[in-house]
Amino acid sequence: MKKLVEDVQGEGLVSLLGERVTLYCAIYIYTGKLVGVNDTFIKLTDAKIVYDTGSFAEKEWKIADELPNDWYVQTAMIESFGILK
C-alpha cells in the first residue's frame, strides 16, 4: 500500500505559525492568529468563532464573535485548515 501523505518537517500547521488561519472543526469554525502548535492543541490569539461565513468573496465573516482570551483548539477536532480571510 502506498503512503499518500508524508510527514514533512515544517509543513502543515507549523508552516502557518504567525498567520491568521481558519480551522474547520467537527462542530465550529475558528479563526485567529496561530501562535502555538503541539501534538494535542493549537493556540490562537485574536480568536473568533464563526457562526456564518457569508460569501467567501467578502473580506469579513458574516457572523463571527470575538473570544475573550487566547483560545486553544484540540487538533483531533480539526477537519481542515488554511488561510481564508
Protein backbone atom coordinates (compact mmCIF):
# COMPACT_ATOMS: atom_id res chain seq x y z
CA MET A 1 0.00 0.00 0.00
CA LYS A 2 1.37 3.42 -0.95
CA LYS A 3 1.71 6.14 1.63
CA LEU A 4 -0.15 9.10 0.11
CA VAL A 5 0.70 11.78 2.69
CA GLU A 6 4.18 12.09 4.14
CA ASP A 7 5.20 13.90 7.30
CA VAL A 8 7.40 16.78 6.22
CA GLN A 9 9.03 18.83 8.94
CA GLY A 10 7.90 22.45 8.88
CA GLU A 11 4.78 21.74 6.83
CA GLY A 12 1.10 21.81 7.80
CA LEU A 13 0.03 23.85 10.83
CA VAL A 14 3.64 24.59 11.79
CA SER A 15 4.20 26.35 8.47
CA LEU A 16 1.31 28.71 9.28
CA LEU A 17 2.66 29.95 12.63
CA GLY A 18 2.18 33.71 12.83
CA GLU A 19 -0.56 33.71 10.18
CA ARG A 20 -4.31 34.32 10.61
CA VAL A 21 -5.78 30.86 10.00
CA THR A 22 -9.26 29.41 9.74
CA LEU A 23 -9.98 26.00 11.25
CA TYR A 24 -12.98 23.94 10.23
CA CYS A 25 -13.62 21.68 13.20
CA ALA A 26 -16.15 18.94 13.96
CA ILE A 27 -18.79 21.47 15.07
CA TYR A 28 -17.50 25.04 14.85
CA ILE A 29 -15.25 27.22 12.70
CA TYR A 30 -12.48 29.14 14.48
CA THR A 31 -10.22 31.86 13.15
CA GLY A 32 -7.30 33.71 14.68
CA LYS A 33 -3.56 34.23 14.64
CA LEU A 34 -1.81 30.88 15.06
CA VAL A 35 0.82 31.29 17.77
CA GLY A 36 1.34 27.74 19.07
CA VAL A 37 1.21 24.15 17.82
CA ASN A 38 1.84 20.82 19.52
CA ASP A 39 0.56 17.26 19.06
CA THR A 40 -2.62 17.90 21.07
CA PHE A 41 -3.61 21.56 20.78
CA ILE A 42 -3.09 24.71 18.81
CA LYS A 43 -3.20 28.20 20.32
CA LEU A 44 -4.90 31.18 18.69
CA THR A 45 -4.71 34.85 19.66
CA ASP A 46 -7.26 37.44 18.49
CA ALA A 47 -9.56 34.45 18.11
CA LYS A 48 -13.13 34.36 16.82
CA ILE A 49 -15.79 31.71 16.49
CA VAL A 50 -17.50 31.92 13.11
CA TYR A 51 -21.24 31.22 13.08
CA ASP A 52 -21.94 32.28 9.48
CA THR A 53 -19.21 32.64 6.86
CA GLY A 54 -21.27 34.53 4.32
CA SER A 55 -19.75 34.66 0.86
CA PHE A 56 -16.09 33.70 0.62
CA ALA A 57 -15.71 36.60 -1.82
CA GLU A 58 -16.29 39.04 1.07
CA LYS A 59 -13.38 40.22 3.23
CA GLU A 60 -15.24 39.82 6.54
CA TRP A 61 -17.20 36.98 8.09
CA LYS A 62 -20.95 37.49 8.13
CA ILE A 63 -21.26 36.50 11.82
CA ALA A 64 -18.12 35.96 13.94
CA ASP A 65 -17.86 36.60 17.67
CA GLU A 66 -14.58 37.50 19.32
CA LEU A 67 -13.48 35.07 22.01
CA PRO A 68 -12.48 36.70 25.31
CA ASN A 69 -8.89 35.39 25.54
CA ASP A 70 -6.32 33.33 23.72
CA TRP A 71 -8.05 30.17 22.55
CA TYR A 72 -6.93 26.54 22.36
CA VAL A 73 -8.35 24.08 19.85
CA GLN A 74 -7.82 20.33 20.08
CA THR A 75 -6.04 19.14 16.93
CA ALA A 76 -8.11 15.93 16.87
CA MET A 77 -11.21 18.05 16.16
CA ILE A 78 -9.71 19.89 13.17
CA GLU A 79 -11.10 18.67 9.84
CA SER A 80 -9.34 21.20 7.63
CA PHE A 81 -7.42 24.46 7.92
CA GLY A 82 -5.89 27.24 5.89
CA ILE A 83 -5.74 30.96 5.29
CA LEU A 84 -9.08 32.39 4.12
CA LYS A 85 -9.59 35.96 5.26
